[in-house]
């Protein structure tokens, strides 16, 4: 098959987007195709993943209606005259959030609390036929896809980068035992990455039997239904050992409480998922003080994490392709949101804006 000549592509004045009003109301609308300035690029979106945060309605509804989507891979189809690092035809992953790299947080390695990172994005969002990439994202948020990485694998770069950062903060190292609470897409990425990193025993939980089967497939040694006494079941499976690292990858408050009960002395509980905004958590301070337990949160990723994620996918260290359960055209984005919000049969839903 001959490679498509993107320098000859005709970019129409309007394009289709999937606009989010709420989890049950996602509409296909026609909007003007973004115009780029001299330091910007236009990317044709080939694949765009639906993230669990996209269906976090309490968070998204405040800004609705809007075009969501931040896990994209595509092809550059237009470049501004002052852009030198990229060219038409480049296969790319584009980060929606990028840091300033100069504030005190960035200089200390805490890129994800940088104000610039939390306020940058592309236009209008990944569930669109095209996106305009602002100059700051062009400068530090566009990454070439290796030939070995497909577009649909490229949608995993952002979520895997987040997982890489989280496990680094949690002190992952070979031989450590890991408990992953929640085996959705984030949990499966954590399981697969922990296995790749040489973790010792890996235990996973979920309320969904199919997800427990997938947890085993991607590297868990033991799986436990989340609606049982997880700590008791884990102690039985491990002959009395708790977990060196507990990763909470579900927003259920019960999972956070379970994490406290299941971590070994001197261990770490990683808060990888947020709860609803009004949730508060009572911490048994004396117990954690005596046992020397560390509680750490992890949000987002930095450009260096994205680079590491790309190489990990290229090398086959994490088999992300087998995590895709649904591939849908843009016209079926509403179905995709339904599948993800119901958290049932789907794991990773990928939207293909130019598929028929």
Protein backbone atom coordinates (compact mmCIF):
# COMPACT_ATOMS: atom_id res chain seq x y z
CA UNK A 1 0.00 0.00 0.00
CA UNK A 2 1.38 3.41 -0.96
CA UNK A 3 1.82 5.88 1.87
CA UNK A 4 -0.71 8.69 1.78
CA UNK A 5 0.66 12.04 0.57
CA UNK A 6 -0.58 14.42 3.24
CA UNK A 7 0.93 17.42 1.48
CA UNK A 8 -1.82 17.01 -1.12
CA UNK A 9 -4.71 16.60 1.29
CA UNK A 10 -7.62 18.99 0.91
CA UNK A 11 -8.58 20.40 4.28
CA UNK A 12 -12.19 21.50 4.27
CA UNK A 13 -13.48 24.65 5.98
CA UNK A 14 -15.63 22.62 8.36
CA UNK A 15 -15.14 19.37 10.26
CA UNK A 16 -17.10 17.00 12.47
CA UNK A 17 -16.68 16.84 16.22
CA UNK A 18 -18.31 14.83 19.00
CA UNK A 19 -19.51 17.46 21.49
CA UNK A 20 -20.07 16.46 25.09
CA UNK A 21 -23.14 17.75 26.94
CA UNK A 22 -23.24 15.00 29.56
CA UNK A 23 -22.44 11.28 29.74
CA UNK A 24 -25.72 10.42 28.04
CA UNK A 25 -25.69 13.27 25.51
CA UNK A 26 -22.77 13.36 23.08
CA UNK A 27 -23.67 14.94 19.73
CA UNK A 28 -21.99 14.94 16.35
CA UNK A 29 -21.77 18.55 15.20
CA UNK A 30 -20.11 20.44 12.38
CA UNK A 31 -17.76 23.27 13.32
CA UNK A 32 -15.14 25.39 11.53
CA UNK A 33 -11.84 23.61 10.99
CA UNK A 34 -9.26 25.39 13.18
CA UNK A 35 -6.91 27.85 11.49
CA UNK A 36 -3.28 27.74 12.52
CA UNK A 37 -0.84 30.57 13.13
CA UNK A 38 2.80 30.68 12.04
CA UNK A 39 3.99 28.69 15.08
CA UNK A 40 1.20 26.11 15.17
CA UNK A 41 0.36 22.85 13.40
CA UNK A 42 -2.82 21.11 12.33
CA UNK A 43 -3.12 17.39 13.08
CA UNK A 44 -5.49 14.95 11.44
CA UNK A 45 -6.73 12.77 14.30
CA UNK A 46 -6.53 9.10 13.35
CA UNK A 47 -7.25 7.57 16.76
CA UNK A 48 -8.48 9.03 20.05
CA UNK A 49 -8.99 7.06 23.25
CA UNK A 50 -11.82 7.63 25.72
CA UNK A 51 -10.33 8.09 29.19
CA UNK A 52 -12.10 7.33 32.44
CA UNK A 53 -11.76 11.01 33.29
CA UNK A 54 -13.79 11.88 30.18
CA UNK A 55 -16.85 10.29 31.82
CA UNK A 56 -16.19 11.85 35.24
CA UNK A 57 -19.41 13.82 34.89
CA UNK A 58 -19.16 15.95 38.05
CA UNK A 59 -15.91 17.33 36.63
CA UNK A 60 -16.83 17.64 32.96
CA UNK A 61 -20.35 19.02 33.27
CA UNK A 62 -19.07 22.36 34.61
CA UNK A 63 -17.54 23.22 31.23
CA UNK A 64 -20.09 21.54 28.94
CA UNK A 65 -20.76 21.68 26.10
CA UNK A 66 -17.23 20.98 24.89
CA UNK A 67 -15.15 18.62 22.79
CA UNK A 68 -13.22 16.20 24.99
CA UNK A 69 -10.45 13.76 24.11
CA UNK A 70 -6.79 13.96 25.15
CA UNK A 71 -5.35 10.59 24.11
CA UNK A 72 -4.70 11.15 20.43
CA UNK A 73 -2.46 9.97 17.64
CA UNK A 74 -2.52 11.34 14.13
CA UNK A 75 -0.70 12.94 11.24
CA UNK A 76 0.47 16.52 10.79
CA UNK A 77 -1.33 17.92 7.74
CA UNK A 78 -0.40 21.61 7.97
CA UNK A 79 2.45 23.53 9.60
CA UNK A 80 2.97 27.21 10.27
CA UNK A 81 5.81 28.92 8.46
CA UNK A 82 7.86 29.32 11.64
CA UNK A 83 7.64 25.65 12.67
CA UNK A 84 10.98 23.97 12.08
CA UNK A 85 10.90 20.79 14.19
CA UNK A 86 7.92 19.14 12.49
CA UNK A 87 6.69 18.61 8.96
CA UNK A 88 3.60 17.58 7.04
CA UNK A 89 3.25 13.80 7.10
CA UNK A 90 4.81 13.25 10.52
CA UNK A 91 3.04 10.51 12.52
CA UNK A 92 2.64 11.94 16.00
CA UNK A 93 1.28 11.69 19.50
CA UNK A 94 0.33 15.10 20.93
CA UNK A 95 0.24 15.92 24.64
CA UNK A 96 -2.70 18.12 25.61
CA UNK A 97 -1.04 19.39 28.81
CA UNK A 98 2.54 20.67 28.75
CA UNK A 99 4.62 22.28 31.54
CA UNK A 100 6.44 25.60 31.49
CA UNK A 101 9.71 23.94 32.57
CA UNK A 102 10.77 27.13 34.39
CA UNK A 103 8.57 27.52 37.50
CA UNK A 104 9.69 26.28 40.91
CA UNK A 105 7.50 23.19 40.58
CA UNK A 106 8.98 22.15 37.22
CA UNK A 107 12.53 22.83 38.43
CA UNK A 108 11.88 20.45 41.34
CA UNK A 109 10.52 17.77 39.03
CA UNK A 110 6.87 18.35 40.00
CA UNK A 111 5.71 19.15 36.46
CA UNK A 112 2.11 18.08 36.98
CA UNK A 113 1.36 20.82 39.51
CA UNK A 114 2.68 23.47 37.12
CA UNK A 115 0.02 26.11 36.38
CA UNK A 116 0.95 26.08 32.70
CA UNK A 117 0.49 22.31 32.46
CA UNK A 118 -2.94 22.49 34.03
CA UNK A 119 -4.08 25.27 31.70
CA UNK A 120 -2.77 24.13 28.31
CA UNK A 121 -4.70 22.09 25.74
CA UNK A 122 -5.23 21.66 22.04
CA UNK A 123 -8.19 22.95 20.06
CA UNK A 124 -10.91 21.75 20.18
CA UNK A 125 -10.26 18.26 21.62
CA UNK A 126 -9.39 14.78 20.46
CA UNK A 127 -12.91 13.72 19.47
CA UNK A 128 -12.65 15.76 16.29
CA UNK A 129 -11.40 15.23 12.77
CA UNK A 130 -8.61 17.78 13.24
CA UNK A 131 -6.94 19.59 16.13
CA UNK A 132 -4.98 22.81 16.21
CA UNK A 133 -1.83 22.42 18.29
CA UNK A 134 -0.83 25.71 20.03
CA UNK A 135 2.78 26.87 19.82
CA UNK A 136 3.69 25.82 23.38
CA UNK A 137 2.44 22.29 22.68
CA UNK A 138 4.31 22.30 19.37
CA UNK A 139 7.47 23.22 21.27
CA UNK A 140 7.28 20.50 23.95
CA UNK A 141 4.23 18.33 23.39
CA UNK A 142 4.56 16.69 19.96
CA UNK A 143 6.30 13.30 19.81
CA UNK A 144 7.05 11.29 16.69
CA UNK A 145 5.56 7.80 16.61
CA UNK A 146 8.13 5.11 15.81
CA UNK A 147 7.26 2.99 12.80
CA UNK A 148 6.63 0.06 15.15
CA UNK A 149 3.88 1.96 17.02
CA UNK A 150 0.46 2.06 15.36
CA UNK A 151 -1.95 4.96 15.74
CA UNK A 152 -4.23 2.96 18.01
CA UNK A 153 -1.27 2.01 20.19
CA UNK A 154 -0.38 5.69 20.25
CA UNK A 155 -3.54 6.53 22.22
CA UNK A 156 -2.01 4.65 25.16
CA UNK A 157 1.01 6.95 25.41
CA UNK A 158 -0.70 9.45 27.70
CA UNK A 159 -2.32 6.94 30.10
CA UNK A 160 0.82 4.80 30.21
CA UNK A 161 2.94 7.89 30.91
CA UNK A 162 0.68 8.65 33.87
CA UNK A 163 1.13 5.09 35.14
CA UNK A 164 4.90 5.30 34.73
CA UNK A 165 5.00 8.47 36.79
CA UNK A 166 2.78 6.97 39.47
CA UNK A 167 4.89 3.85 39.89
CA UNK A 168 8.09 5.87 39.98
CA UNK A 169 6.67 8.04 42.77
CA UNK A 170 5.50 4.91 44.62
CA UNK A 171 9.03 3.50 44.54
CA UNK A 172 8.41 0.51 42.30
CA UNK A 173 11.43 -1.79 42.06
CA UNK A 174 12.09 -5.45 41.28
CA UNK A 175 10.81 -7.90 43.85
CA UNK A 176 8.24 -5.66 45.51
CA UNK A 177 4.77 -7.08 45.97
CA UNK A 178 1.90 -5.06 44.47
CA UNK A 179 -1.83 -4.87 45.10
CA UNK A 180 -3.85 -3.12 42.39
CA UNK A 181 -7.33 -2.09 43.51
CA UNK A 182 -9.48 -1.76 40.38
CA UNK A 183 -8.73 -3.56 37.10
CA UNK A 184 -10.08 -1.10 34.55
CA UNK A 185 -7.70 0.27 31.95
CA UNK A 186 -5.52 2.11 34.49
CA UNK A 187 -5.35 -0.95 36.71
CA UNK A 188 -4.41 -3.21 33.79
CA UNK A 189 -1.67 -0.80 32.74
CA UNK A 190 -0.37 -0.78 36.32
CA UNK A 191 -0.41 -4.59 36.41
CA UNK A 192 1.36 -4.93 33.08
CA UNK A 193 3.95 -2.27 33.92
CA UNK A 194 4.62 -3.77 37.36
CA UNK A 195 5.19 -7.17 35.73
CA UNK A 196 7.55 -5.57 33.22
CA UNK A 197 9.39 -3.83 36.08
CA UNK A 198 10.08 -7.13 37.80
CA UNK A 199 7.58 -6.89 40.63
CA UNK A 200 7.25 -9.88 42.92
CA UNK A 201 3.71 -11.05 43.62
CA UNK A 202 0.96 -9.01 41.90
CA UNK A 203 -2.61 -9.15 43.19
CA UNK A 204 -5.56 -7.43 41.54
CA UNK A 205 -9.16 -6.73 42.50
CA UNK A 206 -12.33 -5.72 40.72
CA UNK A 207 -16.08 -6.22 41.02
CA UNK A 208 -16.25 -7.37 37.38
CA UNK A 209 -15.39 -11.01 36.69
CA UNK A 210 -14.28 -10.31 33.11
CA UNK A 211 -11.85 -7.67 34.32
CA UNK A 212 -10.41 -10.11 36.84
CA UNK A 213 -9.74 -12.51 33.95
CA UNK A 214 -7.98 -9.72 32.09
CA UNK A 215 -5.96 -8.86 35.19
CA UNK A 216 -4.62 -12.42 35.15
CA UNK A 217 -3.93 -12.18 31.42
CA UNK A 218 -1.85 -9.04 31.84
CA UNK A 219 0.24 -10.27 34.73
CA UNK A 220 -1.62 -10.65 38.03
CA UNK A 221 -0.68 -13.73 40.06
CA UNK A 222 -3.86 -13.64 42.13
CA UNK A 223 -7.22 -11.94 41.61
CA UNK A 224 -9.76 -11.16 44.31
CA UNK A 225 -13.38 -10.00 43.91
CA UNK A 226 -13.57 -6.48 45.29
CA UNK A 227 -16.81 -7.17 47.14
CA UNK A 228 -15.12 -9.70 49.43
CA UNK A 229 -12.77 -9.16 52.38
CA UNK A 230 -9.78 -8.29 50.19
CA UNK A 231 -7.24 -8.17 53.02
CA UNK A 232 -8.29 -11.55 54.36
CA UNK A 233 -8.24 -13.12 50.88
CA UNK A 234 -4.85 -11.58 50.13
CA UNK A 235 -3.34 -12.88 53.37
CA UNK A 236 -4.64 -16.32 52.49
CA UNK A 237 -3.20 -16.20 48.97
CA UNK A 238 0.19 -14.86 50.11
CA UNK A 239 0.54 -16.95 53.28
CA UNK A 240 0.32 -13.91 55.52
CA UNK A 241 2.00 -11.13 53.51
CA UNK A 242 0.56 -7.70 52.81
CA UNK A 243 1.59 -5.59 49.80
CA UNK A 244 4.69 -3.41 49.59
CA UNK A 245 2.85 -1.12 47.17
CA UNK A 246 -0.92 -0.66 46.99
CA UNK A 247 -2.22 1.15 43.91
CA UNK A 248 -5.72 2.59 44.20
CA UNK A 249 -6.90 2.86 40.58
CA UNK A 250 -10.61 3.27 41.25
CA UNK A 251 -12.46 6.25 42.69
CA UNK A 252 -14.54 4.13 45.10
CA UNK A 253 -13.92 5.38 48.64
CA UNK A 254 -14.02 1.78 49.86
CA UNK A 255 -10.90 1.09 47.79
CA UNK A 256 -8.98 3.86 49.53
CA UNK A 257 -9.94 2.41 52.91
CA UNK A 258 -9.01 -1.06 51.67
CA UNK A 259 -5.64 0.25 50.58
CA UNK A 260 -4.84 1.39 54.11
CA UNK A 261 -5.65 -2.07 55.47
CA UNK A 262 -3.65 -3.96 52.87
CA UNK A 263 -0.25 -2.27 52.84
CA UNK A 264 2.81 -3.77 54.49
CA UNK A 265 4.84 -2.00 57.19
CA UNK A 266 7.08 0.53 55.50
CA UNK A 267 4.99 0.24 52.35
CA UNK A 268 3.35 2.80 50.08
CA UNK A 269 -0.25 3.49 49.08
CA UNK A 270 -0.50 5.25 45.72
CA UNK A 271 -3.65 7.32 45.19
CA UNK A 272 -3.91 7.08 41.41
CA UNK A 273 -7.63 7.81 40.98
CA UNK A 274 -9.69 10.73 42.28
CA UNK A 275 -12.94 10.41 44.22
CA UNK A 276 -16.04 12.54 43.84
CA UNK A 277 -15.27 16.13 44.96
CA UNK A 278 -17.11 16.03 48.30
CA UNK A 279 -15.45 12.85 49.56
CA UNK A 280 -13.27 12.97 52.68
CA UNK A 281 -11.11 10.20 54.04
CA UNK A 282 -10.44 9.44 57.71
CA UNK A 283 -6.84 8.30 58.18
CA UNK A 284 -5.77 6.27 61.24
CA UNK A 285 -2.80 8.53 61.89
CA UNK A 286 -1.24 6.62 64.79
CA UNK A 287 -1.34 3.35 62.89
CA UNK A 288 0.35 4.85 59.85
CA UNK A 289 2.86 6.65 62.02
CA UNK A 290 3.80 3.43 63.81
CA UNK A 291 3.92 1.30 60.68
CA UNK A 292 5.90 3.85 58.65
CA UNK A 293 3.45 3.86 55.76
CA UNK A 294 3.74 6.40 52.93
CA UNK A 295 0.68 7.85 51.19
CA UNK A 296 1.35 9.46 47.80
CA UNK A 297 -0.88 10.86 45.04
CA UNK A 298 -0.07 10.93 41.35
CA UNK A 299 -1.75 13.06 38.71
CA UNK A 300 -0.80 13.42 35.06
CA UNK A 301 2.62 13.06 33.46
CA UNK A 302 5.56 15.06 32.14
CA UNK A 303 7.14 15.06 28.66
CA UNK A 304 9.87 12.72 29.90
CA UNK A 305 7.21 10.22 31.00
CA UNK A 306 5.68 10.38 27.52
CA UNK A 307 9.06 9.64 25.93
CA UNK A 308 9.51 6.63 28.22
CA UNK A 309 5.98 5.40 27.43
CA UNK A 310 6.62 5.57 23.69
CA UNK A 311 9.78 3.50 24.01
CA UNK A 312 8.06 0.97 26.26
CA UNK A 313 5.25 0.48 23.73
CA UNK A 314 7.74 0.32 20.84
CA UNK A 315 9.75 -2.37 22.63
CA UNK A 316 6.64 -4.39 23.47
CA UNK A 317 7.14 -3.99 27.21
CA UNK A 318 3.41 -3.42 27.66
CA UNK A 319 1.00 -5.11 25.24
CA UNK A 320 -1.48 -2.26 24.94
CA UNK A 321 -3.08 -3.39 21.69
CA UNK A 322 -4.79 -6.33 23.37
CA UNK A 323 -6.41 -3.94 25.85
CA UNK A 324 -8.56 -2.39 23.09
CA UNK A 325 -12.08 -3.78 23.23
CA UNK A 326 -13.91 -1.35 20.93
CA UNK A 327 -12.98 0.64 17.84
CA UNK A 328 -15.73 3.08 16.84
CA UNK A 329 -16.17 5.80 14.19
CA UNK A 330 -16.75 9.37 15.34
CA UNK A 331 -20.48 8.95 14.66
CA UNK A 332 -20.63 6.36 17.46
CA UNK A 333 -18.80 8.38 20.11
CA UNK A 334 -21.97 8.50 22.23
CA UNK A 335 -21.92 4.70 22.35
CA UNK A 336 -18.29 4.84 23.38
CA UNK A 337 -19.11 7.13 26.29
CA UNK A 338 -21.93 4.82 27.33
CA UNK A 339 -19.61 1.82 27.31
CA UNK A 340 -16.92 3.57 29.36
CA UNK A 341 -19.31 5.14 31.87
CA UNK A 342 -21.01 1.78 32.49
CA UNK A 343 -17.61 0.16 33.13
CA UNK A 344 -18.89 -3.22 32.03
CA UNK A 345 -17.79 -4.96 28.84
CA UNK A 346 -15.33 -2.30 27.71
CA UNK A 347 -11.70 -1.80 28.64
CA UNK A 348 -10.28 0.62 26.08
CA UNK A 349 -12.58 2.33 23.60
CA UNK A 350 -10.85 4.00 20.66
CA UNK A 351 -12.61 6.54 18.45
CA UNK A 352 -11.47 6.75 14.82
CA UNK A 353 -12.67 10.15 13.52
CA UNK A 354 -12.07 9.40 9.84
CA UNK A 355 -13.37 5.84 9.79
CA UNK A 356 -16.69 5.19 8.06
